[in-house]
Protein backbone atom coordinates (compact mmCIF):
# COMPACT_ATOMS: atom_id res chain seq x y z
CA UNK A 1 -4.60 -6.55 -15.82
CA UNK A 2 -5.71 -9.93 -17.14
CA UNK A 3 -9.02 -11.15 -18.53
CA UNK A 4 -9.80 -14.83 -19.07
CA UNK A 5 -12.17 -14.92 -22.04
CA UNK A 6 -13.16 -18.59 -21.82
CA UNK A 7 -14.16 -20.37 -18.62
CA UNK A 8 -16.92 -22.70 -17.48
CA UNK A 9 -18.51 -23.38 -14.13
CA UNK A 10 -17.27 -26.48 -12.31
CA UNK A 11 -20.20 -28.63 -11.23
CA UNK A 12 -17.82 -30.86 -9.22
CA UNK A 13 -17.31 -28.23 -6.49
CA UNK A 14 -20.40 -28.97 -4.40
CA UNK A 15 -23.04 -29.57 -7.06
CA UNK A 16 -24.55 -26.10 -6.73
CA UNK A 17 -24.23 -23.22 -9.14
CA UNK A 18 -23.58 -20.87 -6.22
CA UNK A 19 -20.66 -22.99 -5.08
CA UNK A 20 -19.25 -23.19 -8.59
CA UNK A 21 -19.43 -19.40 -8.98
CA UNK A 22 -17.85 -18.72 -5.59
CA UNK A 23 -14.94 -21.04 -6.43
CA UNK A 24 -14.46 -19.42 -9.83
CA UNK A 25 -14.34 -15.96 -8.24
CA UNK A 26 -11.97 -17.17 -5.52
CA UNK A 27 -9.55 -18.58 -8.08
CA UNK A 28 -9.77 -15.48 -10.27
CA UNK A 29 -8.92 -13.20 -7.35
CA UNK A 30 -6.08 -15.47 -6.25
CA UNK A 31 -4.61 -15.55 -9.77
CA UNK A 32 -4.90 -11.79 -10.26
CA UNK A 33 -7.47 -12.14 -13.04
CA UNK A 34 -9.66 -9.05 -13.28
CA UNK A 35 -12.60 -10.56 -15.13
CA UNK A 36 -13.70 -13.89 -16.60
CA UNK A 37 -16.20 -14.71 -19.33
CA UNK A 38 -18.19 -17.69 -18.08
CA UNK A 39 -19.87 -19.88 -20.67
CA UNK A 40 -23.14 -21.47 -19.64
CA UNK A 41 -23.64 -24.99 -21.00
CA UNK A 42 -27.05 -26.58 -21.31
CA UNK A 43 -25.39 -29.95 -20.69
CA UNK A 44 -24.84 -28.83 -17.09
CA UNK A 45 -27.58 -29.14 -14.46
CA UNK A 46 -28.34 -25.42 -14.12
CA UNK A 47 -30.81 -23.28 -16.02
CA UNK A 48 -30.03 -19.92 -17.56
CA UNK A 49 -32.05 -18.31 -14.78
CA UNK A 50 -30.00 -20.05 -12.08
CA UNK A 51 -26.69 -19.09 -13.67
CA UNK A 52 -27.83 -15.50 -14.13
CA UNK A 53 -28.82 -15.17 -10.48
CA UNK A 54 -25.60 -16.78 -9.24
CA UNK A 55 -23.20 -14.56 -11.23
CA UNK A 56 -25.12 -11.30 -10.78
CA UNK A 57 -23.42 -10.24 -7.49
CA UNK A 58 -19.90 -10.51 -8.94
CA UNK A 59 -18.39 -7.80 -11.10
CA UNK A 60 -15.61 -10.26 -12.00
CA UNK A 61 -17.96 -12.41 -14.11
CA UNK A 62 -19.74 -11.78 -17.39
CA UNK A 63 -21.59 -14.71 -18.96
CA UNK A 64 -22.62 -16.13 -22.33
CA UNK A 65 -25.84 -18.13 -22.74
CA UNK A 66 -25.73 -21.55 -24.41
CA UNK A 67 -28.70 -22.04 -26.74
CA UNK A 68 -29.28 -24.95 -29.12
CA UNK A 69 -29.94 -23.48 -32.58
CA UNK A 70 -32.33 -26.30 -33.47
CA UNK A 71 -34.58 -25.61 -30.49
CA UNK A 72 -38.01 -24.42 -31.72
CA UNK A 73 -37.76 -21.61 -29.16
CA UNK A 74 -34.11 -20.69 -29.80
CA UNK A 75 -34.76 -17.08 -30.75
CA UNK A 76 -37.02 -16.45 -27.76
CA UNK A 77 -34.60 -18.15 -25.36
CA UNK A 78 -31.70 -16.06 -26.62
CA UNK A 79 -33.55 -12.77 -26.50
CA UNK A 80 -34.78 -13.50 -22.97
CA UNK A 81 -31.24 -14.39 -21.85
CA UNK A 82 -29.84 -11.12 -23.17
CA UNK A 83 -32.65 -8.70 -22.45
CA UNK A 84 -33.86 -10.01 -19.08
CA UNK A 85 -31.16 -12.24 -17.58
CA UNK A 86 -28.08 -10.13 -18.25
CA UNK A 87 -26.06 -12.46 -20.48
CA UNK A 88 -23.75 -10.67 -22.91
CA UNK A 89 -23.28 -13.23 -25.68
CA UNK A 90 -24.28 -16.52 -27.27
CA UNK A 91 -22.29 -19.72 -26.75
CA UNK A 92 -22.63 -22.46 -29.39
CA UNK A 93 -21.12 -25.92 -29.00
CA UNK A 94 -21.67 -27.95 -32.19
CA UNK A 95 -19.67 -30.94 -30.92
CA UNK A 96 -21.55 -31.42 -27.64
CA UNK A 97 -24.92 -30.27 -28.95
CA UNK A 98 -24.53 -32.18 -32.24
CA UNK A 99 -25.60 -29.67 -34.85
CA UNK A 100 -24.02 -28.47 -38.08
CA UNK A 101 -22.00 -25.26 -37.83
CA UNK A 102 -23.38 -24.00 -41.14
CA UNK A 103 -26.96 -25.30 -40.92
CA UNK A 104 -29.85 -22.97 -41.72
CA UNK A 105 -30.88 -22.94 -38.04
CA UNK A 106 -27.37 -22.04 -36.89
CA UNK A 107 -27.05 -19.28 -39.48
CA UNK A 108 -30.42 -17.87 -38.43
CA UNK A 109 -29.58 -17.77 -34.72
CA UNK A 110 -26.14 -16.25 -35.32
CA UNK A 111 -27.70 -13.60 -37.55
CA UNK A 112 -30.20 -12.79 -34.80
CA UNK A 113 -27.31 -12.41 -32.34
CA UNK A 114 -25.82 -9.80 -34.65
CA UNK A 115 -29.13 -7.99 -34.93
CA UNK A 116 -29.42 -7.64 -31.16
CA UNK A 117 -25.78 -6.61 -30.89
CA UNK A 118 -24.11 -9.54 -29.13
CA UNK A 119 -21.14 -11.73 -30.08
CA UNK A 120 -21.16 -15.50 -30.59
CA UNK A 121 -18.51 -17.82 -29.19
CA UNK A 122 -18.31 -21.02 -31.21
CA UNK A 123 -16.44 -24.16 -30.13
CA UNK A 124 -13.80 -24.95 -32.75
CA UNK A 125 -11.79 -27.77 -31.22
CA UNK A 126 -11.22 -30.74 -33.58
CA UNK A 127 -11.15 -33.71 -31.23
CA UNK A 128 -11.88 -37.17 -32.60
CA UNK A 129 -15.61 -36.83 -32.06
CA UNK A 130 -15.79 -33.50 -33.84
CA UNK A 131 -13.68 -34.76 -36.73
CA UNK A 132 -16.04 -37.71 -37.21
CA UNK A 133 -18.96 -35.27 -37.17
CA UNK A 134 -17.51 -33.54 -40.24
CA UNK A 135 -15.38 -30.81 -38.67
CA UNK A 136 -14.05 -28.45 -41.34
CA UNK A 137 -12.66 -24.90 -41.10
CA UNK A 138 -14.58 -24.11 -44.30
CA UNK A 139 -17.90 -24.68 -42.52
CA UNK A 140 -16.91 -22.14 -39.87
CA UNK A 141 -15.98 -19.69 -42.61
CA UNK A 142 -19.30 -20.29 -44.39
CA UNK A 143 -21.17 -19.37 -41.22
CA UNK A 144 -19.12 -16.20 -40.71
CA UNK A 145 -19.63 -15.12 -44.32
CA UNK A 146 -23.39 -15.50 -44.00
CA UNK A 147 -23.44 -13.48 -40.76
CA UNK A 148 -21.26 -10.42 -41.49
CA UNK A 149 -23.02 -8.28 -38.87
CA UNK A 150 -22.19 -10.74 -36.08
CA UNK A 151 -18.86 -10.84 -34.28
CA UNK A 152 -17.86 -14.51 -33.96
CA UNK A 153 -15.16 -15.94 -31.70
CA UNK A 154 -13.65 -19.23 -32.87
CA UNK A 155 -12.81 -20.85 -29.54
CA UNK A 156 -9.59 -22.86 -29.11
CA UNK A 157 -8.14 -21.22 -32.25
CA UNK A 158 -9.10 -24.24 -34.33
CA UNK A 159 -6.73 -26.62 -32.53
CA UNK A 160 -4.29 -28.27 -34.92
CA UNK A 161 -6.12 -26.58 -37.83
CA UNK A 162 -4.95 -23.20 -36.52
CA UNK A 163 -3.15 -22.16 -39.71
CA UNK A 164 -6.28 -22.78 -41.78
CA UNK A 165 -8.37 -20.82 -39.29
CA UNK A 166 -5.86 -17.97 -39.32
CA UNK A 167 -5.87 -17.78 -43.12
CA UNK A 168 -9.67 -17.69 -43.13
CA UNK A 169 -9.84 -15.11 -40.32
CA UNK A 170 -7.68 -12.78 -42.41
CA UNK A 171 -10.53 -12.65 -44.96
CA UNK A 172 -13.32 -12.42 -42.37
CA UNK A 173 -13.22 -9.15 -40.39
CA UNK A 174 -16.04 -10.28 -38.08
CA UNK A 175 -14.01 -13.27 -36.80
CA UNK A 176 -11.95 -13.40 -33.61
CA UNK A 177 -10.22 -16.31 -31.85
CA UNK A 178 -9.27 -17.43 -28.36
CA UNK A 179 -6.31 -19.61 -27.40
CA UNK A 180 -8.13 -21.57 -24.69
CA UNK A 181 -7.32 -25.25 -24.14
CA UNK A 182 -5.31 -25.70 -27.35
CA UNK A 183 -2.23 -23.82 -26.17
CA UNK A 184 -1.66 -26.27 -23.31
CA UNK A 185 -3.34 -29.38 -24.72
CA UNK A 186 -0.88 -29.51 -27.62
CA UNK A 187 2.14 -28.56 -25.53
CA UNK A 188 5.18 -30.52 -26.76
CA UNK A 189 3.93 -30.58 -30.35
CA UNK A 190 4.31 -28.01 -33.12
CA UNK A 191 0.81 -26.62 -32.56
CA UNK A 192 1.70 -23.97 -29.93
CA UNK A 193 4.42 -22.70 -32.29
CA UNK A 194 1.82 -22.54 -35.07
CA UNK A 195 -0.57 -20.69 -32.77
CA UNK A 196 2.06 -18.07 -32.01
CA UNK A 197 2.86 -17.84 -35.72
CA UNK A 198 -0.84 -17.23 -36.40
CA UNK A 199 -1.02 -14.55 -33.70
CA UNK A 200 2.03 -12.80 -35.13
CA UNK A 201 0.64 -13.02 -38.63
CA UNK A 202 -2.50 -11.29 -37.34
CA UNK A 203 -0.34 -8.70 -35.52
CA UNK A 204 -1.79 -9.90 -32.23
CA UNK A 205 -5.17 -8.44 -33.17
CA UNK A 206 -8.50 -10.24 -32.77
CA UNK A 207 -7.05 -12.92 -30.45
CA UNK A 208 -7.90 -13.36 -26.77
CA UNK A 209 -6.47 -15.30 -23.84
CA UNK A 210 -8.68 -18.02 -22.36
CA UNK A 211 -8.06 -20.99 -20.07
CA UNK A 212 -11.07 -23.29 -20.55
CA UNK A 213 -11.29 -23.67 -16.73
CA UNK A 214 -12.03 -26.06 -15.05
CA UNK A 215 -9.72 -28.02 -17.35
CA UNK A 216 -7.04 -26.79 -14.90
CA UNK A 217 -7.11 -24.33 -12.00
CA UNK A 218 -7.18 -20.74 -13.26
CA UNK A 219 -3.78 -19.86 -11.82
CA UNK A 220 -2.12 -23.00 -13.17
CA UNK A 221 -3.44 -22.34 -16.67
CA UNK A 222 -2.28 -18.75 -16.60
CA UNK A 223 1.23 -19.59 -15.37
CA UNK A 224 1.65 -22.46 -17.84
CA UNK A 225 0.31 -20.39 -20.74
CA UNK A 226 2.70 -17.55 -19.98
CA UNK A 227 5.59 -20.03 -19.86
CA UNK A 228 4.70 -21.32 -23.33
CA UNK A 229 4.22 -17.83 -24.78
CA UNK A 230 7.50 -16.59 -23.33
CA UNK A 231 9.32 -19.56 -24.90
CA UNK A 232 8.14 -18.30 -28.28
CA UNK A 233 9.33 -14.80 -27.57
CA UNK A 234 6.20 -12.76 -26.89
CA UNK A 235 7.09 -9.38 -25.46
CA UNK A 236 5.14 -7.39 -22.89
CA UNK A 237 3.24 -5.38 -25.50
CA UNK A 238 2.09 -8.52 -27.31
CA UNK A 239 1.09 -10.19 -24.06
CA UNK A 240 -0.86 -7.12 -22.99
CA UNK A 241 -2.90 -7.23 -26.20
CA UNK A 242 -3.59 -10.93 -25.83
CA UNK A 243 -4.37 -10.86 -22.10
CA UNK A 244 -6.30 -7.63 -21.83
CA UNK A 245 -6.38 -4.92 -24.47
CA UNK A 246 -8.01 -6.84 -27.32
CA UNK A 247 -10.97 -8.12 -25.35
CA UNK A 248 -11.54 -4.83 -23.55
CA UNK A 249 -11.79 -3.15 -26.93
CA UNK A 250 -14.01 -5.96 -28.24
CA UNK A 251 -16.59 -5.52 -25.47
CA UNK A 252 -16.07 -1.82 -24.88
CA UNK A 253 -15.43 -2.39 -21.18
CA UNK A 254 -14.68 1.15 -20.10
CA UNK A 255 -15.16 0.28 -16.43
CA UNK A 256 -11.78 -1.53 -16.25
């Protein structure tokens, strides 16, 4: 079985959240993906309530709530999303939402997530915008060190800073990573090789598969990712950990 740990809803489908969810489920079923983790974004035109209602009928989807840590109501919004709307984690996007990864507000919200028992998925892709905003692996590490009770997923495995992120993750037991976007974005460069090196160095623990849909169709991302991983010699046991076992253990999904 396969789980995609990093997807978004595609507002281009028909403009409705219901249409975006139906298309996501259709593609997941077609690609043989058992479950997806959908990341709400407050830059999209749908509220947390609308996303919650749209995904509720589908066992294939679990969702994270995107909350801005500098919102004066951030704590209340997060607790409502988890306790009443059925979200299972917190999504933070410092590049799009323009906040500091290690600010006092971010640390506070991530600590609260740990107190209520949910993980945090944190965008860690160093595009030009993020680099100009002061992107640094050390700031991600500083956040994780201040929030030891919170499980944190560094999305995109740190991009071309993957080796730095791997070295830091080895000292931070509450840190996990996903391979979304980076594995295919950097295809043809040395970065995918470095990502596989990092996974091997971590014994294929604490790393999850993700596609970053709708960057590409779910099936296309899965096929292309498997092609890349096979080139670097991953065997079936390693692939199973990356595609399924690690994240099932992370969430305790005993229903799969």
